[in-house]
Amino acid sequence: MEWLNYQHLLYFWTVAREGSVSRACQRLSLAQPTISGQLRVLESALGEKLFRRAGRNLVLTDVGQVVYRYAEEIFSLGSELLDTLKGRPTGRPLRLAVGIADGLPKLIAHRILAPALALPEPVQLICHEGRPERLLAELSIHQLDLVLSDAPIPAAVRVRAFNHLLGECGVSFFAAAPMVAGYRKKFPASLDGAPFLLPSGNSTLRRSLDQWFDSQQIRPKIVGEFQDSALLKAFGQAAVGVFVAPTVIENEVRRQYGVSVVGREESISERFYAISVERKLKHPAVLAITETARDSVFK
C-alpha cells in the first residue's frame, strides 16, 4: 500500500500559500535546504512536478493545483478536528465550486443552484462563468465540482466526465409593451420580418432557432446578437427587438424585465445538464441541485 508523507505535504502546502521557499522557511522556522529537499522527495514520490518558476516566485503546475486543493482540504479538516476536540465551533461551510457555461441563462443557473443554499448545513457557493471547453478542463483537474451547461460534453473535448440531464423545456418569445400586440396576433407567422435579438451563432439555442425559422419560413430581421443572455434581455426590455428565453423562467423574465409573452413554442426544446467527473453523484449540494431540478424546476 502506498502512503503519503504528510510532513512533506505540509511543506508543499506552506510554500504554495507563501509563494516562495524562503517565506515558507520563515513561517515554519526551517532551513531552506530542508524544505527544498523535502519538496523534491514529494515530487519524486508523486512522479510529477508541482511548481514552476515565474521570476523570483514559484507557481503551481496543473498537477500542483490539484495537490494544493487536496492539501487545503486535509489541513482544514485537521484544524476542524482540533476545534471539535477542544469544544470550539467550526462554522466551516460545505464548499461547492460550479462552472456555468456562458450560454446558460443566468436566471436558469439561479433556479438550478438555489436548492444548494437551502440545505440545513451552510454551503459556500463559488461560481465561475466561461466557455464550456475551459470549464470542463477545470472540472477534469478537480478545480470545479460541477459544470452547468445547455449542451452535453462536446465530442471533441477529451475529458472523462458524465452528463446528468436535469430537464428540458420549450421556449417563450418576449417583447416590450409597445411591440407585443403587433406580433401576438397570428403568431408565429407575425414574426416574419420582425426585429430580433438572438443568442450568438455558436450556441445550442441559436442553432435550434435558425432551424425553426427555416421550417416556418420566417425571415427575422436580426438587429443584435449576444453572448450574454442578460444583456440580450436588457435590449429586449428597451423595445429593440423580440427575444427568446426558456419557458421555465417565463415568470421571472416578465417580472425582471417588464416584458410580455408574444407566444410559446414547444418544438424548440432546451436541455440543461449538470456535468461531473462522477457517474454517481455524492456531493450533498450537488444531489440537492439535481433532485430539485428534476422534481420541481423542469417538471
C-alpha atoms as a PDB file:
ATOM      1  CA  MET A   1       0.000   0.000   0.000  1.00  0.00           C
ATOM      2  CA  GLU A   2       1.247   3.473  -0.900  1.00  0.00           C
ATOM      3  CA  TRP A   3       1.384   6.088   1.862  1.00  0.00           C
ATOM      4  CA  LEU A   4       1.576   9.850   1.590  1.00  0.00           C
ATOM      5  CA  ASN A   5       4.126  11.661   3.768  1.00  0.00           C
ATOM      6  CA  TYR A   6       2.001  14.389   5.355  1.00  0.00           C
ATOM      7  CA  GLN A   7       5.065  16.252   6.632  1.00  0.00           C
ATOM      8  CA  HIS A   8       6.207  16.675   3.025  1.00  0.00           C
ATOM      9  CA  LEU A   9       2.667  17.695   2.078  1.00  0.00           C
ATOM     10  CA  LEU A  10       2.711  20.339   4.818  1.00  0.00           C
ATOM     11  CA  TYR A  11       5.940  21.804   3.436  1.00  0.00           C
ATOM     12  CA  PHE A  12       4.434  21.871  -0.073  1.00  0.00           C
ATOM     13  CA  TRP A  13       1.205  23.472   1.178  1.00  0.00           C
ATOM     14  CA  THR A  14       3.107  26.183   3.045  1.00  0.00           C
ATOM     15  CA  VAL A  15       5.331  27.000   0.045  1.00  0.00           C
ATOM     16  CA  ALA A  16       2.242  27.219  -2.186  1.00  0.00           C
ATOM     17  CA  ARG A  17       0.493  29.564   0.262  1.00  0.00           C
ATOM     18  CA  GLU A  18       3.559  31.752   0.822  1.00  0.00           C
ATOM     19  CA  GLY A  19       4.665  31.845  -2.815  1.00  0.00           C
ATOM     20  CA  SER A  20       8.333  31.059  -2.182  1.00  0.00           C
ATOM     21  CA  VAL A  21      10.580  28.674  -0.273  1.00  0.00           C
ATOM     22  CA  SER A  22      12.246  31.494   1.684  1.00  0.00           C
ATOM     23  CA  ARG A  23       8.925  32.771   3.066  1.00  0.00           C
ATOM     24  CA  ALA A  24       7.877  29.220   3.884  1.00  0.00           C
ATOM     25  CA  CYS A  25      11.157  28.803   5.814  1.00  0.00           C
ATOM     26  CA  GLN A  26      10.284  31.831   7.921  1.00  0.00           C
ATOM     27  CA  ARG A  27       6.795  30.503   8.555  1.00  0.00           C
ATOM     28  CA  LEU A  28       7.989  27.001   9.540  1.00  0.00           C
ATOM     29  CA  SER A  29      11.299  28.058  11.193  1.00  0.00           C
ATOM     30  CA  LEU A  30      13.230  25.628   8.995  1.00  0.00           C
ATOM     31  CA  ALA A  31      16.330  25.940   6.815  1.00  0.00           C
ATOM     32  CA  GLN A  32      15.882  26.371   3.063  1.00  0.00           C
ATOM     33  CA  PRO A  33      17.782  23.167   2.108  1.00  0.00           C
ATOM     34  CA  THR A  34      15.423  21.180   4.348  1.00  0.00           C
ATOM     35  CA  ILE A  35      12.239  22.384   2.645  1.00  0.00           C
ATOM     36  CA  SER A  36      13.712  22.293  -0.878  1.00  0.00           C
ATOM     37  CA  GLY A  37      14.931  18.742  -0.338  1.00  0.00           C
ATOM     38  CA  GLN A  38      11.603  17.544   1.042  1.00  0.00           C
ATOM     39  CA  LEU A  39       9.744  19.113  -1.889  1.00  0.00           C
ATOM     40  CA  ARG A  40      11.932  17.156  -4.304  1.00  0.00           C
ATOM     41  CA  VAL A  41      11.187  13.975  -2.352  1.00  0.00           C
ATOM     42  CA  LEU A  42       7.435  14.665  -2.570  1.00  0.00           C
ATOM     43  CA  GLU A  43       7.624  15.349  -6.326  1.00  0.00           C
ATOM     44  CA  SER A  44       9.606  12.142  -6.785  1.00  0.00           C
ATOM     45  CA  ALA A  45       7.032  10.145  -4.803  1.00  0.00           C
ATOM     46  CA  LEU A  46       4.163  11.603  -6.838  1.00  0.00           C
ATOM     47  CA  GLY A  47       6.031  11.382 -10.141  1.00  0.00           C
ATOM     48  CA  GLU A  48       5.009  14.926 -11.087  1.00  0.00           C
ATOM     49  CA  LYS A  49       6.397  18.452 -10.916  1.00  0.00           C
ATOM     50  CA  LEU A  50       4.388  20.596  -8.512  1.00  0.00           C
ATOM     51  CA  PHE A  51       5.968  24.015  -9.111  1.00  0.00           C
ATOM     52  CA  ARG A  52       7.469  26.042 -11.927  1.00  0.00           C
ATOM     53  CA  ARG A  53       9.491  29.238 -11.772  1.00  0.00           C
ATOM     54  CA  ALA A  54       7.871  32.628 -12.532  1.00  0.00           C
ATOM     55  CA  GLY A  55      10.538  35.253 -11.942  1.00  0.00           C
ATOM     56  CA  ARG A  56      11.600  35.015  -8.321  1.00  0.00           C
ATOM     57  CA  ASN A  57       8.421  33.199  -7.275  1.00  0.00           C
ATOM     58  CA  LEU A  58       7.163  29.663  -7.553  1.00  0.00           C
ATOM     59  CA  VAL A  59       3.774  28.998  -9.154  1.00  0.00           C
ATOM     60  CA  LEU A  60       1.797  25.783  -9.152  1.00  0.00           C
ATOM     61  CA  THR A  61       1.680  23.493 -12.163  1.00  0.00           C
ATOM     62  CA  ASP A  62      -1.674  21.968 -13.170  1.00  0.00           C
ATOM     63  CA  VAL A  63      -0.886  18.903 -11.060  1.00  0.00           C
ATOM     64  CA  GLY A  64       0.324  21.180  -8.261  1.00  0.00           C
ATOM     65  CA  GLN A  65      -3.067  22.921  -8.244  1.00  0.00           C
ATOM     66  CA  VAL A  66      -4.827  19.575  -7.780  1.00  0.00           C
ATOM     67  CA  VAL A  67      -2.469  18.581  -4.949  1.00  0.00           C
ATOM     68  CA  TYR A  68      -2.863  22.005  -3.340  1.00  0.00           C
ATOM     69  CA  ARG A  69      -6.641  21.714  -3.329  1.00  0.00           C
ATOM     70  CA  TYR A  70      -6.444  18.354  -1.566  1.00  0.00           C
ATOM     71  CA  ALA A  71      -3.838  19.670   0.868  1.00  0.00           C
ATOM     72  CA  GLU A  72      -6.053  22.639   1.666  1.00  0.00           C
ATOM     73  CA  GLU A  73      -8.892  20.253   2.453  1.00  0.00           C
ATOM     74  CA  ILE A  74      -6.685  17.940   4.519  1.00  0.00           C
ATOM     75  CA  PHE A  75      -5.221  20.670   6.720  1.00  0.00           C
ATOM     76  CA  SER A  76      -8.561  22.454   7.055  1.00  0.00           C
ATOM     77  CA  LEU A  77     -10.041  19.186   8.312  1.00  0.00           C
ATOM     78  CA  GLY A  78      -7.131  18.830  10.728  1.00  0.00           C
ATOM     79  CA  SER A  79      -7.821  22.294  12.106  1.00  0.00           C
ATOM     80  CA  GLU A  80     -11.520  21.488  12.366  1.00  0.00           C
ATOM     81  CA  LEU A  81     -10.695  18.264  14.232  1.00  0.00           C
ATOM     82  CA  LEU A  82      -8.732  20.204  16.849  1.00  0.00           C
ATOM     83  CA  ASP A  83     -11.549  22.742  17.195  1.00  0.00           C
ATOM     84  CA  THR A  84     -14.078  19.933  17.654  1.00  0.00           C
ATOM     85  CA  LEU A  85     -11.986  18.127  20.301  1.00  0.00           C
ATOM     86  CA  LYS A  86     -11.498  21.382  22.205  1.00  0.00           C
ATOM     87  CA  GLY A  87     -15.187  22.264  22.027  1.00  0.00           C
ATOM     88  CA  ARG A  88     -14.749  25.272  19.732  1.00  0.00           C
ATOM     89  CA  PRO A  89     -17.356  25.916  16.996  1.00  0.00           C
ATOM     90  CA  THR A  90     -16.050  25.174  13.492  1.00  0.00           C
ATOM     91  CA  GLY A  91     -18.535  27.093  11.341  1.00  0.00           C
ATOM     92  CA  ARG A  92     -16.935  25.544   8.271  1.00  0.00           C
ATOM     93  CA  PRO A  93     -19.307  25.616   5.258  1.00  0.00           C
ATOM     94  CA  LEU A  94     -19.547  22.918   2.628  1.00  0.00           C
ATOM     95  CA  ARG A  95     -17.693  24.172  -0.465  1.00  0.00           C
ATOM     96  CA  LEU A  96     -19.300  23.897  -3.907  1.00  0.00           C
ATOM     97  CA  ALA A  97     -17.388  25.199  -6.944  1.00  0.00           C
ATOM     98  CA  VAL A  98     -19.601  25.401 -10.049  1.00  0.00           C
ATOM     99  CA  GLY A  99     -18.740  26.304 -13.633  1.00  0.00           C
ATOM    100  CA  ILE A 100     -21.569  27.960 -15.570  1.00  0.00           C
ATOM    101  CA  ALA A 101     -21.358  27.774 -19.357  1.00  0.00           C
ATOM    102  CA  ASP A 102     -21.531  31.250 -20.883  1.00  0.00           C
ATOM    103  CA  GLY A 103     -24.578  30.346 -22.984  1.00  0.00           C
ATOM    104  CA  LEU A 104     -26.672  29.304 -19.978  1.00  0.00           C
ATOM    105  CA  PRO A 105     -29.238  31.957 -18.936  1.00  0.00           C
ATOM    106  CA  LYS A 106     -28.406  33.416 -15.509  1.00  0.00           C
ATOM    107  CA  LEU A 107     -31.995  33.016 -14.322  1.00  0.00           C
ATOM    108  CA  ILE A 108     -31.826  29.285 -15.132  1.00  0.00           C
ATOM    109  CA  ALA A 109     -28.499  28.973 -13.297  1.00  0.00           C
ATOM    110  CA  HIS A 110     -30.028  30.654 -10.249  1.00  0.00           C
ATOM    111  CA  ARG A 111     -33.056  28.357 -10.279  1.00  0.00           C
ATOM    112  CA  ILE A 112     -30.832  25.291 -10.530  1.00  0.00           C
ATOM    113  CA  LEU A 113     -28.354  26.353  -7.819  1.00  0.00           C
ATOM    114  CA  ALA A 114     -30.800  27.797  -5.272  1.00  0.00           C
ATOM    115  CA  PRO A 115     -31.510  24.420  -3.546  1.00  0.00           C
ATOM    116  CA  ALA A 116     -27.827  24.137  -2.556  1.00  0.00           C
ATOM    117  CA  LEU A 117     -28.166  27.243  -0.401  1.00  0.00           C
ATOM    118  CA  ALA A 118     -31.339  25.910   1.225  1.00  0.00           C
ATOM    119  CA  LEU A 119     -29.619  22.894   2.802  1.00  0.00           C
ATOM    120  CA  PRO A 120     -29.558  22.662   6.636  1.00  0.00           C
ATOM    121  CA  GLU A 121     -25.753  22.800   6.612  1.00  0.00           C
ATOM    122  CA  PRO A 122     -24.088  26.013   5.371  1.00  0.00           C
ATOM    123  CA  VAL A 123     -22.788  25.938   1.782  1.00  0.00           C
ATOM    124  CA  GLN A 124     -20.142  28.207   0.296  1.00  0.00           C
ATOM    125  CA  LEU A 125     -21.055  28.595  -3.389  1.00  0.00           C
ATOM    126  CA  ILE A 126     -18.240  29.562  -5.772  1.00  0.00           C
ATOM    127  CA  CYS A 127     -19.340  30.280  -9.355  1.00  0.00           C
ATOM    128  CA  HIS A 128     -17.140  30.585 -12.447  1.00  0.00           C
ATOM    129  CA  GLU A 129     -18.511  31.535 -15.858  1.00  0.00           C
ATOM    130  CA  GLY A 130     -16.769  30.715 -19.120  1.00  0.00           C
ATOM    131  CA  ARG A 131     -16.631  28.683 -22.290  1.00  0.00           C
ATOM    132  CA  PRO A 132     -17.657  25.047 -21.760  1.00  0.00           C
ATOM    133  CA  GLU A 133     -14.295  23.704 -23.007  1.00  0.00           C
ATOM    134  CA  ARG A 134     -12.353  25.690 -20.391  1.00  0.00           C
ATOM    135  CA  LEU A 135     -14.775  24.801 -17.597  1.00  0.00           C
ATOM    136  CA  LEU A 136     -14.585  21.095 -18.458  1.00  0.00           C
ATOM    137  CA  ALA A 137     -10.789  21.269 -18.353  1.00  0.00           C
ATOM    138  CA  GLU A 138     -11.009  22.770 -14.851  1.00  0.00           C
ATOM    139  CA  LEU A 139     -13.512  20.089 -13.876  1.00  0.00           C
ATOM    140  CA  SER A 140     -11.094  17.370 -15.019  1.00  0.00           C
ATOM    141  CA  ILE A 141      -8.400  18.587 -12.585  1.00  0.00           C
ATOM    142  CA  HIS A 142     -10.926  18.978  -9.742  1.00  0.00           C
ATOM    143  CA  GLN A 143     -10.917  22.772  -9.639  1.00  0.00           C
ATOM    144  CA  LEU A 144     -14.692  22.553 -10.119  1.00  0.00           C
ATOM    145  CA  ASP A 145     -17.198  20.171  -8.563  1.00  0.00           C
ATOM    146  CA  LEU A 146     -19.803  20.636 -11.292  1.00  0.00           C
ATOM    147  CA  VAL A 147     -20.415  22.316 -14.646  1.00  0.00           C
ATOM    148  CA  LEU A 148     -23.874  23.551 -15.676  1.00  0.00           C
ATOM    149  CA  SER A 149     -24.497  23.707 -19.418  1.00  0.00           C
ATOM    150  CA  ASP A 150     -27.230  23.785 -22.058  1.00  0.00           C
ATOM    151  CA  ALA A 151     -25.383  21.089 -24.031  1.00  0.00           C
ATOM    152  CA  PRO A 152     -23.742  17.737 -23.220  1.00  0.00           C
ATOM    153  CA  ILE A 153     -19.976  17.279 -23.282  1.00  0.00           C
ATOM    154  CA  PRO A 154     -18.761  18.072 -26.830  1.00  0.00           C
ATOM    155  CA  ALA A 155     -17.391  15.044 -28.669  1.00  0.00           C
ATOM    156  CA  ALA A 156     -14.149  16.894 -29.387  1.00  0.00           C
ATOM    157  CA  VAL A 157     -13.430  17.505 -25.689  1.00  0.00           C
ATOM    158  CA  ARG A 158     -11.251  14.714 -24.293  1.00  0.00           C
ATOM    159  CA  VAL A 159     -12.404  14.863 -20.693  1.00  0.00           C
ATOM    160  CA  ARG A 160     -13.625  11.885 -18.692  1.00  0.00           C
ATOM    161  CA  ALA A 161     -16.863  13.228 -17.254  1.00  0.00           C
ATOM    162  CA  PHE A 162     -20.541  12.349 -17.185  1.00  0.00           C
ATOM    163  CA  ASN A 163     -23.687  14.183 -18.360  1.00  0.00           C
ATOM    164  CA  HIS A 164     -26.588  14.303 -15.901  1.00  0.00           C
ATOM    165  CA  LEU A 165     -29.735  15.561 -17.637  1.00  0.00           C
ATOM    166  CA  LEU A 166     -31.577  17.952 -15.316  1.00  0.00           C
ATOM    167  CA  GLY A 167     -34.563  18.551 -17.574  1.00  0.00           C
ATOM    168  CA  GLU A 168     -35.852  20.236 -20.707  1.00  0.00           C
ATOM    169  CA  CYS A 169     -38.477  22.770 -21.716  1.00  0.00           C
ATOM    170  CA  GLY A 170     -39.789  24.768 -24.671  1.00  0.00           C
ATOM    171  CA  VAL A 171     -39.182  28.463 -25.293  1.00  0.00           C
ATOM    172  CA  SER A 172     -41.218  31.652 -24.998  1.00  0.00           C
ATOM    173  CA  PHE A 173     -40.991  34.701 -27.273  1.00  0.00           C
ATOM    174  CA  PHE A 174     -40.953  38.055 -25.443  1.00  0.00           C
ATOM    175  CA  ALA A 175     -41.280  41.719 -26.416  1.00  0.00           C
ATOM    176  CA  ALA A 176     -41.662  45.055 -24.666  1.00  0.00           C
ATOM    177  CA  ALA A 177     -45.181  46.510 -24.346  1.00  0.00           C
ATOM    178  CA  PRO A 178     -45.114  48.733 -27.495  1.00  0.00           C
ATOM    179  CA  MET A 179     -44.325  45.707 -29.681  1.00  0.00           C
ATOM    180  CA  VAL A 180     -46.409  42.901 -28.184  1.00  0.00           C
ATOM    181  CA  ALA A 181     -49.824  43.459 -29.765  1.00  0.00           C
ATOM    182  CA  GLY A 182     -48.488  43.538 -33.321  1.00  0.00           C
ATOM    183  CA  TYR A 183     -46.642  40.211 -33.000  1.00  0.00           C
ATOM    184  CA  ARG A 184     -49.008  38.282 -30.722  1.00  0.00           C
ATOM    185  CA  LYS A 185     -51.737  38.209 -33.376  1.00  0.00           C
ATOM    186  CA  LYS A 186     -51.234  35.404 -35.923  1.00  0.00           C
ATOM    187  CA  PHE A 187     -48.141  34.122 -34.067  1.00  0.00           C
ATOM    188  CA  PRO A 188     -45.756  32.710 -35.291  1.00  0.00           C
ATOM    189  CA  ALA A 189     -46.309  33.962 -38.877  1.00  0.00           C
ATOM    190  CA  SER A 190     -46.316  37.526 -37.497  1.00  0.00           C
ATOM    191  CA  LEU A 191     -42.612  37.154 -36.667  1.00  0.00           C
ATOM    192  CA  ASP A 192     -41.610  37.236 -40.343  1.00  0.00           C
ATOM    193  CA  GLY A 193     -39.576  40.420 -40.767  1.00  0.00           C
ATOM    194  CA  ALA A 194     -39.758  41.243 -37.042  1.00  0.00           C
ATOM    195  CA  PRO A 195     -36.674  42.772 -35.350  1.00  0.00           C
ATOM    196  CA  PHE A 196     -34.961  40.029 -33.362  1.00  0.00           C
ATOM    197  CA  LEU A 197     -32.333  39.818 -30.627  1.00  0.00           C
ATOM    198  CA  LEU A 198     -30.633  36.436 -30.919  1.00  0.00           C
ATOM    199  CA  PRO A 199     -28.027  34.488 -28.961  1.00  0.00           C
ATOM    200  CA  SER A 200     -24.618  34.171 -30.613  1.00  0.00           C
ATOM    201  CA  GLY A 201     -24.238  31.755 -33.513  1.00  0.00           C
ATOM    202  CA  ASN A 202     -22.277  29.077 -31.624  1.00  0.00           C
ATOM    203  CA  SER A 203     -24.976  28.462 -29.003  1.00  0.00           C
ATOM    204  CA  THR A 204     -27.335  25.482 -28.901  1.00  0.00           C
ATOM    205  CA  LEU A 205     -30.393  27.748 -28.716  1.00  0.00           C
ATOM    206  CA  ARG A 206     -29.301  29.773 -31.756  1.00  0.00           C
ATOM    207  CA  ARG A 207     -28.923  26.639 -33.872  1.00  0.00           C
ATOM    208  CA  SER A 208     -32.385  25.455 -32.800  1.00  0.00           C
ATOM    209  CA  LEU A 209     -33.915  28.856 -33.589  1.00  0.00           C
ATOM    210  CA  ASP A 210     -32.305  29.000 -37.033  1.00  0.00           C
ATOM    211  CA  GLN A 211     -33.728  25.561 -37.867  1.00  0.00           C
ATOM    212  CA  TRP A 212     -37.170  26.579 -36.607  1.00  0.00           C
ATOM    213  CA  PHE A 213     -37.164  29.828 -38.608  1.00  0.00           C
ATOM    214  CA  ASP A 214     -36.358  27.822 -41.747  1.00  0.00           C
ATOM    215  CA  SER A 215     -39.102  25.267 -41.068  1.00  0.00           C
ATOM    216  CA  GLN A 216     -41.680  28.062 -40.529  1.00  0.00           C
ATOM    217  CA  GLN A 217     -40.390  30.114 -43.498  1.00  0.00           C
ATOM    218  CA  ILE A 218     -39.794  33.049 -41.169  1.00  0.00           C
ATOM    219  CA  ARG A 219     -37.073  35.557 -42.008  1.00  0.00           C
ATOM    220  CA  PRO A 220     -36.394  37.667 -38.908  1.00  0.00           C
ATOM    221  CA  LYS A 221     -34.597  40.998 -39.075  1.00  0.00           C
ATOM    222  CA  ILE A 222     -31.571  40.368 -36.840  1.00  0.00           C
ATOM    223  CA  VAL A 223     -30.772  43.633 -35.046  1.00  0.00           C
ATOM    224  CA  GLY A 224     -28.435  42.169 -32.434  1.00  0.00           C
ATOM    225  CA  GLU A 225     -26.525  39.012 -31.471  1.00  0.00           C
ATOM    226  CA  PHE A 226     -25.391  38.457 -27.891  1.00  0.00           C
ATOM    227  CA  GLN A 227     -23.209  36.027 -25.991  1.00  0.00           C
ATOM    228  CA  ASP A 228     -24.517  37.301 -22.651  1.00  0.00           C
ATOM    229  CA  SER A 229     -28.173  36.366 -22.131  1.00  0.00           C
ATOM    230  CA  ALA A 230     -28.748  39.085 -19.513  1.00  0.00           C
ATOM    231  CA  LEU A 231     -27.520  41.793 -21.898  1.00  0.00           C
ATOM    232  CA  LEU A 232     -29.776  40.421 -24.634  1.00  0.00           C
ATOM    233  CA  LYS A 233     -32.809  40.717 -22.319  1.00  0.00           C
ATOM    234  CA  ALA A 234     -31.828  44.263 -21.336  1.00  0.00           C
ATOM    235  CA  PHE A 235     -32.002  45.274 -25.008  1.00  0.00           C
ATOM    236  CA  GLY A 236     -35.352  43.495 -25.285  1.00  0.00           C
ATOM    237  CA  GLN A 237     -36.584  45.475 -22.289  1.00  0.00           C
ATOM    238  CA  ALA A 238     -35.694  48.643 -24.221  1.00  0.00           C
ATOM    239  CA  ALA A 239     -38.010  47.576 -27.095  1.00  0.00           C
ATOM    240  CA  VAL A 240     -35.139  46.974 -29.524  1.00  0.00           C
ATOM    241  CA  GLY A 241     -36.484  43.591 -30.635  1.00  0.00           C
ATOM    242  CA  VAL A 242     -38.210  40.297 -29.885  1.00  0.00           C
ATOM    243  CA  PHE A 243     -36.199  37.739 -27.926  1.00  0.00           C
ATOM    244  CA  VAL A 244     -36.486  34.165 -26.702  1.00  0.00           C
ATOM    245  CA  ALA A 245     -35.955  32.546 -23.283  1.00  0.00           C
ATOM    246  CA  PRO A 246     -36.738  29.121 -21.786  1.00  0.00           C
ATOM    247  CA  THR A 247     -40.398  28.835 -20.824  1.00  0.00           C
ATOM    248  CA  VAL A 248     -39.456  27.516 -17.366  1.00  0.00           C
ATOM    249  CA  ILE A 249     -38.253  31.035 -16.397  1.00  0.00           C
ATOM    250  CA  GLU A 250     -41.083  32.865 -18.173  1.00  0.00           C
ATOM    251  CA  ASN A 251     -42.471  34.462 -14.996  1.00  0.00           C
ATOM    252  CA  GLU A 252     -39.046  35.657 -13.823  1.00  0.00           C
ATOM    253  CA  VAL A 253     -38.286  37.215 -17.243  1.00  0.00           C
ATOM    254  CA  ARG A 254     -41.615  39.051 -17.270  1.00  0.00           C
ATOM    255  CA  ARG A 255     -41.140  40.418 -13.740  1.00  0.00           C
ATOM    256  CA  GLN A 256     -37.472  41.343 -14.026  1.00  0.00           C
ATOM    257  CA  TYR A 257     -37.554  42.933 -17.489  1.00  0.00           C
ATOM    258  CA  GLY A 258     -41.128  44.220 -17.692  1.00  0.00           C
ATOM    259  CA  VAL A 259     -41.837  42.403 -20.969  1.00  0.00           C
ATOM    260  CA  SER A 260     -44.783  40.312 -22.158  1.00  0.00           C
ATOM    261  CA  VAL A 261     -45.121  36.945 -23.856  1.00  0.00           C
ATOM    262  CA  VAL A 262     -45.722  37.048 -27.605  1.00  0.00           C
ATOM    263  CA  GLY A 263     -46.069  33.283 -27.963  1.00  0.00           C
ATOM    264  CA  ARG A 264     -44.646  29.892 -26.977  1.00  0.00           C
ATOM    265  CA  GLU A 265     -43.065  27.093 -28.983  1.00  0.00           C
ATOM    266  CA  GLU A 266     -42.629  23.612 -27.515  1.00  0.00           C
ATOM    267  CA  SER A 267     -40.901  22.199 -30.604  1.00  0.00           C
ATOM    268  CA  ILE A 268     -37.819  24.300 -29.791  1.00  0.00           C
ATOM    269  CA  SER A 269     -36.528  22.287 -26.868  1.00  0.00           C
ATOM    270  CA  GLU A 270     -33.809  23.455 -24.488  1.00  0.00           C
ATOM    271  CA  ARG A 271     -31.984  20.848 -22.425  1.00  0.00           C
ATOM    272  CA  PHE A 272     -29.931  21.512 -19.321  1.00  0.00           C
ATOM    273  CA  TYR A 273     -27.143  19.365 -17.902  1.00  0.00           C
ATOM    274  CA  ALA A 274     -25.070  19.004 -14.767  1.00  0.00           C
ATOM    275  CA  ILE A 275     -21.666  17.615 -15.771  1.00  0.00           C
ATOM    276  CA  SER A 276     -19.432  15.936 -13.191  1.00  0.00           C
ATOM    277  CA  VAL A 277     -16.461  13.599 -13.016  1.00  0.00           C
ATOM    278  CA  GLU A 278     -18.647  11.203 -11.036  1.00  0.00           C
ATOM    279  CA  ARG A 279     -21.027   8.759 -12.672  1.00  0.00           C
ATOM    280  CA  LYS A 280     -22.908   8.515  -9.361  1.00  0.00           C
ATOM    281  CA  LEU A 281     -23.312  11.887  -7.676  1.00  0.00           C
ATOM    282  CA  LYS A 282     -22.344  12.068  -3.987  1.00  0.00           C
ATOM    283  CA  HIS A 283     -21.781  15.716  -3.034  1.00  0.00           C
ATOM    284  CA  PRO A 284     -24.785  16.720  -0.812  1.00  0.00           C
ATOM    285  CA  ALA A 285     -25.225  20.105  -2.507  1.00  0.00           C
ATOM    286  CA  VAL A 286     -24.979  18.560  -6.000  1.00  0.00           C
ATOM    287  CA  LEU A 287     -27.584  15.956  -5.053  1.00  0.00           C
ATOM    288  CA  ALA A 288     -29.914  18.722  -3.838  1.00  0.00           C
ATOM    289  CA  ILE A 289     -29.424  20.596  -7.118  1.00  0.00           C
ATOM    290  CA  THR A 290     -30.077  17.634  -9.401  1.00  0.00           C
ATOM    291  CA  GLU A 291     -33.007  16.205  -7.444  1.00  0.00           C
ATOM    292  CA  THR A 292     -34.822  19.552  -7.183  1.00  0.00           C
ATOM    293  CA  ALA A 293     -34.235  20.313 -10.868  1.00  0.00           C
ATOM    294  CA  ARG A 294     -35.758  17.017 -11.931  1.00  0.00           C
ATOM    295  CA  ASP A 295     -38.617  17.057  -9.413  1.00  0.00           C
ATOM    296  CA  SER A 296     -39.611  20.729  -9.473  1.00  0.00           C
ATOM    297  CA  VAL A 297     -37.764  23.109 -11.809  1.00  0.00           C
ATOM    298  CA  PHE A 298     -38.298  21.204 -15.075  1.00  0.00           C
ATOM    299  CA  LYS A 299     -41.285  19.118 -14.032  1.00  0.00           C
END
